[in-house]
Amino acid sequence: MTQKELNEKSKICKKSFLDAKKVVLRGNMFMLAIGLLLGAAFGALVTSLANDVIMAAITRSFSLKVDAWVIWPKYDGANLVGGIYIGKFLSALLNFIIVSTFIFLGLLIVFLVKNAIDYSKAKKMPIEPELEPQPTNEELMLKELKRLNEQISKLDSKK
């Protein structure tokens, strides 16, 4: 392990955040299953927090009920039977944001632990000097072609 590699592994928090972000953006089925399980596990708690605490405070400040935030209401006599329920949508959106935050924080903790373990293992390995990068075949061919062109131009200049 080189000193540069060890220094990269020492950035545990930054690497954990980037790993968690990469997993969320990649969106594979395994992570989707984890999200579904976590969402189901925290569903009742988060729904209660969103509806009973946060939305209750918001609706109390506007003197409305969540069910009363309706656009284009449709009435059957004195009963509300349809419309666009903005209050229920905001409650569900708040619920989604809280669950997503918990899932991301859970992933962040998992990657923090993983990267901390990787770093502690890397610290125990001996430090090796960094090797000079070997030229690729294309670079070797280009160098040889340049050399041949120089020889040809020297021969042409002698004539």
N, C-alpha and C. Protein backbone atom coordinates (compact mmCIF):
# COMPACT_ATOMS: atom_id res chain seq x y z
N MET A 1 0.84 -1.17 0.00
CA MET A 1 0.00 0.00 0.00
C MET A 1 0.88 1.23 0.00
N THR A 2 0.61 2.16 -0.88
CA THR A 2 1.40 3.37 -0.96
C THR A 2 0.85 4.41 0.01
N GLN A 3 1.65 5.45 0.24
CA GLN A 3 1.23 6.52 1.14
C GLN A 3 0.00 7.23 0.58
N LYS A 4 -0.05 7.38 -0.73
CA LYS A 4 -1.20 8.04 -1.37
C LYS A 4 -2.48 7.23 -1.15
N GLU A 5 -2.39 5.90 -1.30
CA GLU A 5 -3.56 5.04 -1.08
C GLU A 5 -4.00 5.11 0.37
N LEU A 6 -3.04 5.14 1.31
CA LEU A 6 -3.37 5.24 2.73
C LEU A 6 -4.06 6.56 3.04
N ASN A 7 -3.57 7.65 2.43
CA ASN A 7 -4.19 8.96 2.64
C ASN A 7 -5.62 8.97 2.11
N GLU A 8 -5.86 8.32 0.97
CA GLU A 8 -7.21 8.25 0.41
C GLU A 8 -8.14 7.48 1.34
N LYS A 9 -7.63 6.39 1.93
CA LYS A 9 -8.46 5.58 2.83
C LYS A 9 -8.74 6.32 4.14
N SER A 10 -7.92 7.32 4.49
CA SER A 10 -8.13 8.04 5.74
C SER A 10 -9.33 8.98 5.68
N LYS A 11 -9.82 9.28 4.50
CA LYS A 11 -10.98 10.17 4.34
C LYS A 11 -12.26 9.35 4.46
N ILE A 12 -12.51 8.84 5.65
CA ILE A 12 -13.59 7.89 5.90
C ILE A 12 -14.96 8.53 5.69
N CYS A 13 -15.19 9.69 6.28
CA CYS A 13 -16.52 10.33 6.20
C CYS A 13 -16.86 10.71 4.76
N LYS A 14 -15.91 11.32 4.07
CA LYS A 14 -16.17 11.75 2.69
C LYS A 14 -16.43 10.54 1.80
N LYS A 15 -15.62 9.49 1.94
CA LYS A 15 -15.80 8.30 1.13
C LYS A 15 -17.11 7.61 1.46
N SER A 16 -17.49 7.58 2.73
CA SER A 16 -18.76 6.96 3.13
C SER A 16 -19.93 7.71 2.52
N PHE A 17 -19.88 9.04 2.55
CA PHE A 17 -20.96 9.83 1.95
C PHE A 17 -21.04 9.58 0.46
N LEU A 18 -19.90 9.56 -0.22
CA LEU A 18 -19.89 9.32 -1.67
C LEU A 18 -20.38 7.91 -2.00
N ASP A 19 -20.00 6.91 -1.19
CA ASP A 19 -20.47 5.54 -1.42
C ASP A 19 -21.97 5.44 -1.25
N ALA A 20 -22.49 6.06 -0.18
CA ALA A 20 -23.94 6.01 0.06
C ALA A 20 -24.68 6.73 -1.05
N LYS A 21 -24.15 7.85 -1.49
CA LYS A 21 -24.79 8.60 -2.58
C LYS A 21 -24.78 7.79 -3.87
N LYS A 22 -23.66 7.10 -4.14
CA LYS A 22 -23.54 6.28 -5.34
C LYS A 22 -24.57 5.15 -5.34
N VAL A 23 -24.77 4.53 -4.17
CA VAL A 23 -25.74 3.44 -4.06
C VAL A 23 -27.15 3.96 -4.30
N VAL A 24 -27.46 5.12 -3.72
CA VAL A 24 -28.80 5.69 -3.90
C VAL A 24 -29.03 6.04 -5.36
N LEU A 25 -28.04 6.63 -6.01
CA LEU A 25 -28.21 7.01 -7.41
C LEU A 25 -28.21 5.80 -8.34
N ARG A 26 -27.50 4.74 -7.97
CA ARG A 26 -27.46 3.54 -8.82
C ARG A 26 -28.81 2.84 -8.80
N GLY A 27 -29.45 2.76 -7.65
CA GLY A 27 -30.81 2.25 -7.54
C GLY A 27 -30.97 0.79 -7.92
N ASN A 28 -30.12 -0.10 -7.45
CA ASN A 28 -30.27 -1.51 -7.81
C ASN A 28 -31.36 -2.17 -6.97
N MET A 29 -31.72 -3.38 -7.29
CA MET A 29 -32.85 -4.06 -6.66
C MET A 29 -32.55 -4.41 -5.20
N PHE A 30 -31.32 -4.73 -4.87
CA PHE A 30 -30.98 -5.05 -3.49
C PHE A 30 -31.24 -3.85 -2.58
N MET A 31 -30.80 -2.71 -3.01
CA MET A 31 -31.00 -1.50 -2.22
C MET A 31 -32.48 -1.12 -2.19
N LEU A 32 -33.18 -1.41 -3.26
CA LEU A 32 -34.62 -1.16 -3.27
C LEU A 32 -35.32 -2.03 -2.23
N ALA A 33 -34.90 -3.29 -2.11
CA ALA A 33 -35.47 -4.18 -1.11
C ALA A 33 -35.17 -3.69 0.30
N ILE A 34 -33.95 -3.22 0.52
CA ILE A 34 -33.60 -2.67 1.84
C ILE A 34 -34.46 -1.45 2.14
N GLY A 35 -34.64 -0.60 1.16
CA GLY A 35 -35.49 0.57 1.35
C GLY A 35 -36.92 0.20 1.66
N LEU A 36 -37.42 -0.82 0.99
CA LEU A 36 -38.79 -1.28 1.25
C LEU A 36 -38.93 -1.80 2.67
N LEU A 37 -37.98 -2.60 3.11
CA LEU A 37 -38.03 -3.14 4.47
C LEU A 37 -37.92 -2.04 5.52
N LEU A 38 -37.00 -1.12 5.30
CA LEU A 38 -36.86 -0.02 6.25
C LEU A 38 -38.09 0.87 6.25
N GLY A 39 -38.65 1.10 5.08
CA GLY A 39 -39.86 1.91 4.99
C GLY A 39 -41.02 1.26 5.71
N ALA A 40 -41.15 -0.05 5.58
CA ALA A 40 -42.22 -0.77 6.28
C ALA A 40 -41.99 -0.77 7.79
N ALA A 41 -40.72 -0.91 8.19
CA ALA A 41 -40.41 -0.96 9.62
C ALA A 41 -40.69 0.38 10.31
N PHE A 42 -40.34 1.46 9.65
CA PHE A 42 -40.54 2.78 10.24
C PHE A 42 -41.85 3.43 9.82
N GLY A 43 -42.65 2.73 9.04
CA GLY A 43 -43.87 3.31 8.48
C GLY A 43 -44.82 3.88 9.50
N ALA A 44 -45.17 3.11 10.51
CA ALA A 44 -46.13 3.57 11.51
C ALA A 44 -45.57 4.75 12.31
N LEU A 45 -44.29 4.66 12.66
CA LEU A 45 -43.66 5.73 13.43
C LEU A 45 -43.62 7.03 12.63
N VAL A 46 -43.19 6.94 11.40
CA VAL A 46 -43.06 8.13 10.57
C VAL A 46 -44.42 8.71 10.21
N THR A 47 -45.40 7.84 9.93
CA THR A 47 -46.74 8.32 9.62
C THR A 47 -47.32 9.07 10.81
N SER A 48 -47.12 8.54 11.99
CA SER A 48 -47.60 9.22 13.19
C SER A 48 -46.89 10.55 13.39
N LEU A 49 -45.58 10.57 13.18
CA LEU A 49 -44.82 11.82 13.30
C LEU A 49 -45.32 12.85 12.28
N ALA A 50 -45.49 12.41 11.03
CA ALA A 50 -45.91 13.34 9.98
C ALA A 50 -47.33 13.84 10.21
N ASN A 51 -48.27 12.92 10.50
CA ASN A 51 -49.68 13.31 10.63
C ASN A 51 -50.00 13.93 11.98
N ASP A 52 -49.56 13.29 13.05
CA ASP A 52 -50.01 13.69 14.38
C ASP A 52 -49.19 14.82 15.00
N VAL A 53 -47.96 14.98 14.56
CA VAL A 53 -47.13 16.01 15.17
C VAL A 53 -46.92 17.19 14.21
N ILE A 54 -46.27 16.93 13.09
CA ILE A 54 -45.88 18.03 12.19
C ILE A 54 -47.10 18.63 11.49
N MET A 55 -47.90 17.78 10.84
CA MET A 55 -49.07 18.31 10.12
C MET A 55 -50.07 18.90 11.10
N ALA A 56 -50.17 18.35 12.30
CA ALA A 56 -51.07 18.92 13.30
C ALA A 56 -50.65 20.34 13.66
N ALA A 57 -49.36 20.56 13.79
CA ALA A 57 -48.86 21.91 14.09
C ALA A 57 -49.13 22.86 12.93
N ILE A 58 -48.92 22.38 11.71
CA ILE A 58 -49.16 23.22 10.53
C ILE A 58 -50.64 23.56 10.40
N THR A 59 -51.49 22.55 10.51
CA THR A 59 -52.93 22.80 10.35
C THR A 59 -53.48 23.66 11.49
N ARG A 60 -52.95 23.49 12.70
CA ARG A 60 -53.42 24.32 13.81
C ARG A 60 -53.04 25.77 13.57
N SER A 61 -51.87 26.03 12.97
CA SER A 61 -51.46 27.41 12.71
C SER A 61 -52.34 28.06 11.64
N PHE A 62 -52.92 27.25 10.72
CA PHE A 62 -53.81 27.78 9.70
C PHE A 62 -55.29 27.55 10.03
N SER A 63 -55.57 26.98 11.17
CA SER A 63 -56.94 26.66 11.62
C SER A 63 -57.69 25.81 10.59
N LEU A 64 -57.01 24.80 10.05
CA LEU A 64 -57.61 23.87 9.09
C LEU A 64 -57.32 22.44 9.52
N LYS A 65 -58.06 21.50 8.93
CA LYS A 65 -57.74 20.09 9.10
C LYS A 65 -57.05 19.61 7.83
N VAL A 66 -56.29 18.51 7.95
CA VAL A 66 -55.59 17.97 6.78
C VAL A 66 -56.59 17.61 5.69
N ASP A 67 -57.72 17.05 6.06
CA ASP A 67 -58.73 16.68 5.08
C ASP A 67 -59.43 17.90 4.48
N ALA A 68 -59.30 19.07 5.12
CA ALA A 68 -59.97 20.26 4.62
C ALA A 68 -59.14 21.00 3.57
N TRP A 69 -57.88 20.63 3.39
CA TRP A 69 -57.06 21.27 2.36
C TRP A 69 -57.38 20.61 1.03
N VAL A 70 -58.44 21.08 0.38
CA VAL A 70 -58.92 20.44 -0.85
C VAL A 70 -59.03 21.50 -1.94
N ILE A 71 -58.54 21.15 -3.12
CA ILE A 71 -58.70 22.00 -4.30
C ILE A 71 -59.81 21.39 -5.15
N TRP A 72 -60.67 22.20 -5.69
CA TRP A 72 -61.83 21.79 -6.50
C TRP A 72 -62.68 20.75 -5.76
N PRO A 73 -63.20 21.14 -4.60
CA PRO A 73 -64.00 20.16 -3.85
C PRO A 73 -65.31 19.84 -4.56
N LYS A 74 -65.78 18.62 -4.39
CA LYS A 74 -67.05 18.18 -4.94
C LYS A 74 -67.93 17.74 -3.77
N TYR A 75 -69.10 18.29 -3.72
CA TYR A 75 -69.99 18.01 -2.59
C TYR A 75 -71.21 17.23 -3.06
N ASP A 76 -71.65 16.32 -2.22
CA ASP A 76 -72.91 15.61 -2.40
C ASP A 76 -73.79 16.04 -1.24
N GLY A 77 -74.55 17.07 -1.51
CA GLY A 77 -75.32 17.66 -0.42
C GLY A 77 -74.37 18.43 0.48
N ALA A 78 -74.27 18.05 1.74
CA ALA A 78 -73.38 18.73 2.68
C ALA A 78 -72.07 17.97 2.86
N ASN A 79 -71.93 16.82 2.22
CA ASN A 79 -70.73 15.98 2.40
C ASN A 79 -69.73 16.21 1.28
N LEU A 80 -68.46 16.28 1.65
CA LEU A 80 -67.38 16.38 0.67
C LEU A 80 -67.11 14.98 0.12
N VAL A 81 -67.23 14.80 -1.20
CA VAL A 81 -67.06 13.47 -1.79
C VAL A 81 -65.88 13.39 -2.75
N GLY A 82 -65.24 14.49 -3.06
CA GLY A 82 -64.13 14.43 -4.01
C GLY A 82 -63.38 15.74 -4.08
N GLY A 83 -62.29 15.71 -4.82
CA GLY A 83 -61.44 16.88 -5.00
C GLY A 83 -59.99 16.46 -4.92
N ILE A 84 -59.13 17.44 -4.96
CA ILE A 84 -57.69 17.18 -4.86
C ILE A 84 -57.29 17.49 -3.43
N TYR A 85 -56.90 16.45 -2.69
CA TYR A 85 -56.59 16.57 -1.27
C TYR A 85 -55.13 16.96 -1.08
N ILE A 86 -54.87 18.25 -1.04
CA ILE A 86 -53.51 18.77 -0.89
C ILE A 86 -52.95 18.42 0.49
N GLY A 87 -53.75 18.48 1.52
CA GLY A 87 -53.28 18.18 2.88
C GLY A 87 -52.79 16.75 3.01
N LYS A 88 -53.54 15.81 2.45
CA LYS A 88 -53.12 14.41 2.51
C LYS A 88 -51.85 14.19 1.69
N PHE A 89 -51.76 14.87 0.55
CA PHE A 89 -50.55 14.75 -0.27
C PHE A 89 -49.33 15.29 0.48
N LEU A 90 -49.46 16.46 1.11
CA LEU A 90 -48.34 17.02 1.87
C LEU A 90 -47.93 16.10 3.01
N SER A 91 -48.91 15.48 3.64
CA SER A 91 -48.61 14.54 4.72
C SER A 91 -47.84 13.33 4.19
N ALA A 92 -48.26 12.79 3.05
CA ALA A 92 -47.55 11.65 2.45
C ALA A 92 -46.16 12.06 1.98
N LEU A 93 -46.01 13.27 1.44
CA LEU A 93 -44.71 13.77 1.00
C LEU A 93 -43.76 13.91 2.19
N LEU A 94 -44.26 14.44 3.27
CA LEU A 94 -43.46 14.57 4.47
C LEU A 94 -43.04 13.20 4.99
N ASN A 95 -43.96 12.26 4.96
CA ASN A 95 -43.68 10.88 5.35
C ASN A 95 -42.55 10.30 4.49
N PHE A 96 -42.61 10.49 3.19
CA PHE A 96 -41.59 10.00 2.26
C PHE A 96 -40.23 10.63 2.54
N ILE A 97 -40.20 11.92 2.80
CA ILE A 97 -38.93 12.61 3.04
C ILE A 97 -38.28 12.07 4.32
N ILE A 98 -39.08 11.84 5.35
CA ILE A 98 -38.52 11.34 6.61
C ILE A 98 -37.98 9.92 6.42
N VAL A 99 -38.72 9.05 5.74
CA VAL A 99 -38.25 7.67 5.51
C VAL A 99 -36.98 7.68 4.66
N SER A 100 -36.95 8.50 3.61
CA SER A 100 -35.76 8.58 2.75
C SER A 100 -34.54 9.04 3.53
N THR A 101 -34.74 9.99 4.41
CA THR A 101 -33.63 10.48 5.23
C THR A 101 -33.10 9.38 6.14
N PHE A 102 -34.01 8.62 6.76
CA PHE A 102 -33.57 7.52 7.63
C PHE A 102 -32.82 6.45 6.83
N ILE A 103 -33.29 6.14 5.64
CA ILE A 103 -32.61 5.14 4.81
C ILE A 103 -31.22 5.62 4.45
N PHE A 104 -31.11 6.89 4.03
CA PHE A 104 -29.80 7.42 3.66
C PHE A 104 -28.86 7.44 4.86
N LEU A 105 -29.37 7.84 6.02
CA LEU A 105 -28.52 7.85 7.22
C LEU A 105 -28.09 6.44 7.60
N GLY A 106 -28.97 5.46 7.42
CA GLY A 106 -28.60 4.07 7.68
C GLY A 106 -27.48 3.61 6.75
N LEU A 107 -27.60 3.95 5.46
CA LEU A 107 -26.54 3.61 4.51
C LEU A 107 -25.24 4.32 4.87
N LEU A 108 -25.35 5.56 5.28
CA LEU A 108 -24.17 6.32 5.65
C LEU A 108 -23.45 5.66 6.83
N ILE A 109 -24.20 5.20 7.81
CA ILE A 109 -23.60 4.52 8.97
C ILE A 109 -22.93 3.22 8.54
N VAL A 110 -23.59 2.45 7.67
CA VAL A 110 -23.00 1.19 7.18
C VAL A 110 -21.68 1.46 6.48
N PHE A 111 -21.65 2.46 5.61
CA PHE A 111 -20.42 2.75 4.87
C PHE A 111 -19.36 3.38 5.77
N LEU A 112 -19.77 4.14 6.80
CA LEU A 112 -18.79 4.66 7.75
C LEU A 112 -18.07 3.52 8.45
N VAL A 113 -18.83 2.53 8.90
CA VAL A 113 -18.22 1.37 9.57
C VAL A 113 -17.32 0.61 8.60
N LYS A 114 -17.81 0.37 7.38
CA LYS A 114 -17.03 -0.38 6.38
C LYS A 114 -15.72 0.34 6.06
N ASN A 115 -15.79 1.65 5.83
CA ASN A 115 -14.58 2.39 5.48
C ASN A 115 -13.63 2.55 6.67
N ALA A 116 -14.15 2.62 7.88
CA ALA A 116 -13.29 2.67 9.05
C ALA A 116 -12.53 1.36 9.21
N ILE A 117 -13.21 0.24 8.97
CA ILE A 117 -12.54 -1.06 9.04
C ILE A 117 -11.48 -1.18 7.95
N ASP A 118 -11.82 -0.76 6.72
CA ASP A 118 -10.84 -0.79 5.61
C ASP A 118 -9.61 0.06 5.93
N TYR A 119 -9.85 1.24 6.53
CA TYR A 119 -8.74 2.12 6.85
C TYR A 119 -7.85 1.53 7.94
N SER A 120 -8.47 0.93 8.96
CA SER A 120 -7.65 0.34 10.02
C SER A 120 -6.83 -0.84 9.50
N LYS A 121 -7.39 -1.61 8.56
CA LYS A 121 -6.62 -2.70 7.94
C LYS A 121 -5.48 -2.13 7.09
N ALA A 122 -5.76 -1.04 6.37
CA ALA A 122 -4.75 -0.45 5.49
C ALA A 122 -3.60 0.15 6.29
N LYS A 123 -3.89 0.70 7.47
CA LYS A 123 -2.84 1.28 8.30
C LYS A 123 -1.85 0.22 8.77
N LYS A 124 -2.31 -1.01 8.92
CA LYS A 124 -1.45 -2.09 9.41
C LYS A 124 -0.54 -2.64 8.31
N MET A 125 -0.88 -2.37 7.05
CA MET A 125 -0.07 -2.87 5.93
C MET A 125 1.17 -1.99 5.77
N PRO A 126 2.27 -2.57 5.31
CA PRO A 126 3.49 -1.75 5.11
C PRO A 126 3.31 -0.78 3.93
N ILE A 127 3.95 0.37 4.07
CA ILE A 127 3.88 1.40 3.03
C ILE A 127 4.89 1.05 1.95
N GLU A 128 4.43 1.00 0.71
CA GLU A 128 5.29 0.71 -0.44
C GLU A 128 5.49 1.98 -1.24
N PRO A 129 6.64 2.14 -1.85
CA PRO A 129 6.84 3.32 -2.70
C PRO A 129 5.97 3.20 -3.95
N GLU A 130 5.54 4.37 -4.44
CA GLU A 130 4.70 4.36 -5.63
C GLU A 130 5.56 4.01 -6.84
N LEU A 131 5.04 3.17 -7.69
CA LEU A 131 5.76 2.74 -8.88
C LEU A 131 5.51 3.71 -10.03
N GLU A 132 6.53 3.85 -10.86
CA GLU A 132 6.37 4.65 -12.06
C GLU A 132 5.38 3.94 -12.98
N PRO A 133 4.44 4.65 -13.55
CA PRO A 133 3.50 3.98 -14.45
C PRO A 133 4.22 3.51 -15.71
N GLN A 134 3.94 2.28 -16.10
CA GLN A 134 4.54 1.72 -17.30
C GLN A 134 3.84 2.29 -18.54
N PRO A 135 4.62 2.61 -19.58
CA PRO A 135 3.97 3.15 -20.78
C PRO A 135 3.10 2.08 -21.45
N THR A 136 2.00 2.53 -22.01
CA THR A 136 1.09 1.61 -22.70
C THR A 136 1.67 1.27 -24.07
N ASN A 137 1.08 0.27 -24.70
CA ASN A 137 1.53 -0.11 -26.05
C ASN A 137 1.39 1.04 -27.03
N GLU A 138 0.32 1.80 -26.91
CA GLU A 138 0.12 2.93 -27.81
C GLU A 138 1.22 3.98 -27.64
N GLU A 139 1.59 4.23 -26.38
CA GLU A 139 2.65 5.21 -26.12
C GLU A 139 3.99 4.70 -26.66
N LEU A 140 4.26 3.41 -26.51
CA LEU A 140 5.51 2.85 -27.04
C LEU A 140 5.53 2.93 -28.57
N MET A 141 4.40 2.62 -29.19
CA MET A 141 4.34 2.70 -30.67
C MET A 141 4.51 4.14 -31.14
N LEU A 142 3.88 5.08 -30.44
CA LEU A 142 4.01 6.49 -30.82
C LEU A 142 5.45 6.96 -30.69
N LYS A 143 6.11 6.55 -29.62
CA LYS A 143 7.52 6.92 -29.42
C LYS A 143 8.40 6.36 -30.55
N GLU A 144 8.13 5.09 -30.91
CA GLU A 144 8.91 4.47 -31.99
C GLU A 144 8.64 5.16 -33.33
N LEU A 145 7.39 5.51 -33.59
CA LEU A 145 7.06 6.23 -34.83
C LEU A 145 7.74 7.59 -34.89
N LYS A 146 7.79 8.29 -33.76
CA LYS A 146 8.48 9.59 -33.72
C LYS A 146 9.96 9.41 -34.01
N ARG A 147 10.54 8.36 -33.42
CA ARG A 147 11.97 8.10 -33.66
C ARG A 147 12.22 7.81 -35.14
N LEU A 148 11.35 6.98 -35.73
CA LEU A 148 11.51 6.66 -37.15
C LEU A 148 11.33 7.90 -38.02
N ASN A 149 10.38 8.76 -37.69
CA ASN A 149 10.18 10.00 -38.46
C ASN A 149 11.40 10.90 -38.39
N GLU A 150 12.02 10.96 -37.20
CA GLU A 150 13.22 11.78 -37.06
C GLU A 150 14.35 11.23 -37.92
N GLN A 151 14.49 9.90 -37.96
CA GLN A 151 15.53 9.29 -38.79
C GLN A 151 15.27 9.56 -40.26
N ILE A 152 14.04 9.44 -40.68
CA ILE A 152 13.69 9.69 -42.09
C ILE A 152 13.96 11.15 -42.44
N SER A 153 13.59 12.07 -41.55
CA SER A 153 13.82 13.49 -41.86
C SER A 153 15.31 13.81 -41.89
N LYS A 154 16.14 13.15 -41.08
CA LYS A 154 17.59 13.35 -41.14
C LYS A 154 18.14 12.82 -42.46
N LEU A 155 17.64 11.68 -42.91
CA LEU A 155 18.10 11.13 -44.19
C LEU A 155 17.68 12.03 -45.35
N ASP A 156 16.47 12.56 -45.28
CA ASP A 156 15.99 13.46 -46.34
C ASP A 156 16.78 14.76 -46.36
N SER A 157 17.18 15.24 -45.21
CA SER A 157 17.92 16.50 -45.16
C SER A 157 19.36 16.32 -45.68
N LYS A 158 19.91 15.10 -45.56
CA LYS A 158 21.24 14.82 -46.08
C LYS A 158 21.25 14.75 -47.60
N LYS A 159 20.15 14.38 -48.21
CA LYS A 159 20.09 14.25 -49.68
C LYS A 159 20.01 15.53 -50.36
